[in-house]
């Protein structure tokens, strides 16, 4: 038998995922700043792309959280 669909803690889980993603974004930005002279152009580009993806994820988490609170 399938488990019942329990979404009671979805907003909390989304908040945690959002905070973790923000932390990863900030850590990567600090790394880029602190090690600008030490990293290759390819590594810098990879990190910047990941940060763009993180920004999109943060926006998505926020939208999902709003949907959860409104339902």
N, C-alpha and C. Protein backbone atom coordinates (compact mmCIF):
# COMPACT_ATOMS: atom_id res chain seq x y z
N UNK A 1 0.84 -1.18 0.00
CA UNK A 1 0.00 0.00 0.00
C UNK A 1 0.89 1.25 0.00
N UNK A 2 0.52 2.23 -0.78
CA UNK A 2 1.29 3.46 -0.90
C UNK A 2 1.14 4.31 0.36
N UNK A 3 2.20 5.04 0.67
CA UNK A 3 2.16 5.95 1.81
C UNK A 3 1.24 7.12 1.47
N UNK A 4 0.54 7.65 2.46
CA UNK A 4 -0.28 8.84 2.20
C UNK A 4 0.61 10.03 1.87
N UNK A 5 0.10 10.92 1.08
CA UNK A 5 0.85 12.11 0.66
C UNK A 5 0.81 13.14 1.78
N UNK A 6 1.90 13.24 2.56
CA UNK A 6 1.98 14.16 3.68
C UNK A 6 2.86 15.35 3.29
N UNK A 7 2.24 16.47 3.07
CA UNK A 7 2.97 17.67 2.67
C UNK A 7 3.05 18.69 3.79
N UNK A 8 2.80 18.27 5.01
CA UNK A 8 2.72 19.20 6.13
C UNK A 8 4.03 19.93 6.40
N UNK A 9 5.16 19.33 6.02
CA UNK A 9 6.44 19.97 6.30
C UNK A 9 7.17 20.43 5.03
N UNK A 10 6.45 20.51 3.93
CA UNK A 10 7.08 20.93 2.67
C UNK A 10 7.69 22.32 2.75
N UNK A 11 6.97 23.27 3.34
CA UNK A 11 7.49 24.64 3.42
C UNK A 11 8.79 24.67 4.22
N UNK A 12 8.84 23.90 5.30
CA UNK A 12 10.05 23.85 6.12
C UNK A 12 11.21 23.23 5.34
N UNK A 13 10.94 22.17 4.62
CA UNK A 13 11.98 21.51 3.81
C UNK A 13 12.48 22.45 2.72
N UNK A 14 11.54 23.16 2.08
CA UNK A 14 11.94 24.11 1.04
C UNK A 14 12.80 25.23 1.62
N UNK A 15 12.44 25.70 2.81
CA UNK A 15 13.22 26.75 3.47
C UNK A 15 14.64 26.26 3.74
N UNK A 16 14.76 25.03 4.22
CA UNK A 16 16.09 24.46 4.49
C UNK A 16 16.90 24.33 3.21
N UNK A 17 16.27 23.86 2.15
CA UNK A 17 16.98 23.73 0.86
C UNK A 17 17.41 25.10 0.34
N UNK A 18 16.53 26.08 0.50
CA UNK A 18 16.85 27.45 0.07
C UNK A 18 18.05 27.98 0.85
N UNK A 19 18.05 27.80 2.18
CA UNK A 19 19.14 28.30 3.01
C UNK A 19 20.46 27.59 2.66
N UNK A 20 20.42 26.29 2.42
CA UNK A 20 21.62 25.56 2.03
C UNK A 20 22.16 26.07 0.70
N UNK A 21 21.27 26.34 -0.23
CA UNK A 21 21.68 26.83 -1.54
C UNK A 21 22.28 28.23 -1.43
N UNK A 22 21.68 29.07 -0.60
CA UNK A 22 22.23 30.41 -0.37
C UNK A 22 23.63 30.29 0.23
N UNK A 23 23.80 29.39 1.18
CA UNK A 23 25.12 29.18 1.78
C UNK A 23 26.15 28.73 0.76
N UNK A 24 25.77 27.82 -0.12
CA UNK A 24 26.68 27.35 -1.17
C UNK A 24 27.03 28.48 -2.13
N UNK A 25 26.05 29.30 -2.47
CA UNK A 25 26.26 30.43 -3.36
C UNK A 25 27.26 31.41 -2.74
N UNK A 26 27.05 31.75 -1.48
CA UNK A 26 27.94 32.69 -0.79
C UNK A 26 29.35 32.12 -0.67
N UNK A 27 29.44 30.84 -0.36
CA UNK A 27 30.74 30.20 -0.23
C UNK A 27 31.49 30.23 -1.57
N UNK A 28 30.78 29.96 -2.65
CA UNK A 28 31.41 29.98 -3.97
C UNK A 28 31.84 31.39 -4.36
N UNK A 29 31.01 32.39 -4.04
CA UNK A 29 31.38 33.78 -4.35
C UNK A 29 32.60 34.20 -3.55
N UNK A 30 32.66 33.80 -2.29
CA UNK A 30 33.84 34.11 -1.47
C UNK A 30 35.08 33.44 -2.04
N UNK A 31 34.93 32.20 -2.47
CA UNK A 31 36.05 31.47 -3.06
C UNK A 31 36.56 32.21 -4.31
N UNK A 32 35.63 32.65 -5.15
CA UNK A 32 36.03 33.39 -6.36
C UNK A 32 36.79 34.66 -6.01
N UNK A 33 36.33 35.36 -4.98
CA UNK A 33 36.98 36.60 -4.57
C UNK A 33 38.35 36.35 -3.97
N UNK A 34 38.41 35.38 -3.07
CA UNK A 34 39.65 35.12 -2.34
C UNK A 34 40.73 34.46 -3.19
N UNK A 35 40.33 33.72 -4.21
CA UNK A 35 41.29 32.96 -5.01
C UNK A 35 41.30 33.39 -6.47
N UNK A 36 40.94 34.62 -6.72
CA UNK A 36 40.82 35.12 -8.09
C UNK A 36 42.11 34.93 -8.89
N UNK A 37 43.24 35.09 -8.25
CA UNK A 37 44.52 34.99 -8.94
C UNK A 37 45.00 33.56 -9.10
N UNK A 38 44.35 32.63 -8.41
CA UNK A 38 44.82 31.25 -8.38
C UNK A 38 44.02 30.28 -9.24
N UNK A 39 42.82 30.67 -9.67
CA UNK A 39 41.97 29.74 -10.39
C UNK A 39 41.99 30.01 -11.89
N UNK A 40 41.77 28.96 -12.64
CA UNK A 40 41.79 29.08 -14.09
C UNK A 40 40.49 29.72 -14.58
N UNK A 41 40.52 30.17 -15.80
CA UNK A 41 39.33 30.78 -16.40
C UNK A 41 38.21 29.75 -16.50
N UNK A 42 38.57 28.50 -16.77
CA UNK A 42 37.56 27.45 -16.88
C UNK A 42 36.90 27.20 -15.54
N UNK A 43 37.70 27.12 -14.47
CA UNK A 43 37.13 26.91 -13.14
C UNK A 43 36.24 28.08 -12.75
N UNK A 44 36.68 29.29 -13.04
CA UNK A 44 35.88 30.48 -12.73
C UNK A 44 34.55 30.43 -13.47
N UNK A 45 34.60 30.07 -14.74
CA UNK A 45 33.38 29.98 -15.54
C UNK A 45 32.44 28.91 -14.99
N UNK A 46 32.99 27.77 -14.60
CA UNK A 46 32.18 26.69 -14.02
C UNK A 46 31.48 27.14 -12.74
N UNK A 47 32.21 27.82 -11.88
CA UNK A 47 31.64 28.28 -10.62
C UNK A 47 30.57 29.34 -10.88
N UNK A 48 30.83 30.24 -11.81
CA UNK A 48 29.84 31.27 -12.13
C UNK A 48 28.57 30.66 -12.69
N UNK A 49 28.70 29.60 -13.51
CA UNK A 49 27.52 28.92 -14.05
C UNK A 49 26.74 28.22 -12.94
N UNK A 50 27.45 27.58 -12.03
CA UNK A 50 26.79 26.94 -10.90
C UNK A 50 26.04 27.97 -10.05
N UNK A 51 26.64 29.14 -9.89
CA UNK A 51 25.98 30.19 -9.11
C UNK A 51 24.73 30.69 -9.81
N UNK A 52 24.75 30.78 -11.11
CA UNK A 52 23.54 31.16 -11.85
C UNK A 52 22.45 30.12 -11.62
N UNK A 53 22.84 28.85 -11.67
CA UNK A 53 21.88 27.77 -11.40
C UNK A 53 21.34 27.86 -9.98
N UNK A 54 22.22 28.20 -9.05
CA UNK A 54 21.79 28.34 -7.65
C UNK A 54 20.80 29.49 -7.50
N UNK A 55 21.05 30.60 -8.17
CA UNK A 55 20.12 31.73 -8.11
C UNK A 55 18.74 31.33 -8.64
N UNK A 56 18.73 30.57 -9.73
CA UNK A 56 17.46 30.09 -10.29
C UNK A 56 16.77 29.15 -9.30
N UNK A 57 17.53 28.30 -8.65
CA UNK A 57 16.96 27.38 -7.67
C UNK A 57 16.37 28.13 -6.49
N UNK A 58 17.08 29.14 -6.02
CA UNK A 58 16.59 29.94 -4.89
C UNK A 58 15.26 30.58 -5.25
N UNK A 59 15.17 31.11 -6.45
CA UNK A 59 13.92 31.71 -6.90
C UNK A 59 12.81 30.67 -6.97
N UNK A 60 13.14 29.49 -7.45
CA UNK A 60 12.17 28.41 -7.53
C UNK A 60 11.71 27.97 -6.15
N UNK A 61 12.65 27.86 -5.20
CA UNK A 61 12.29 27.48 -3.83
C UNK A 61 11.32 28.51 -3.24
N UNK A 62 11.61 29.79 -3.50
CA UNK A 62 10.76 30.85 -2.96
C UNK A 62 9.34 30.74 -3.53
N UNK A 63 9.24 30.50 -4.83
CA UNK A 63 7.93 30.36 -5.46
C UNK A 63 7.18 29.15 -4.89
N UNK A 64 7.87 28.04 -4.73
CA UNK A 64 7.25 26.84 -4.17
C UNK A 64 6.80 27.07 -2.73
N UNK A 65 7.60 27.79 -1.97
CA UNK A 65 7.23 28.08 -0.58
C UNK A 65 5.94 28.92 -0.54
N UNK A 66 5.86 29.90 -1.43
CA UNK A 66 4.65 30.74 -1.48
C UNK A 66 3.44 29.89 -1.85
N UNK A 67 3.62 28.97 -2.81
CA UNK A 67 2.52 28.08 -3.21
C UNK A 67 2.08 27.21 -2.04
N UNK A 68 3.04 26.67 -1.29
CA UNK A 68 2.72 25.82 -0.14
C UNK A 68 1.97 26.59 0.93
N UNK A 69 2.35 27.84 1.14
CA UNK A 69 1.69 28.63 2.17
C UNK A 69 0.29 29.05 1.78
N UNK A 70 0.05 29.13 0.46
CA UNK A 70 -1.26 29.55 -0.03
C UNK A 70 -2.21 28.38 -0.22
N UNK A 71 -1.72 27.16 -0.06
CA UNK A 71 -2.63 26.02 -0.26
C UNK A 71 -3.02 25.36 1.02
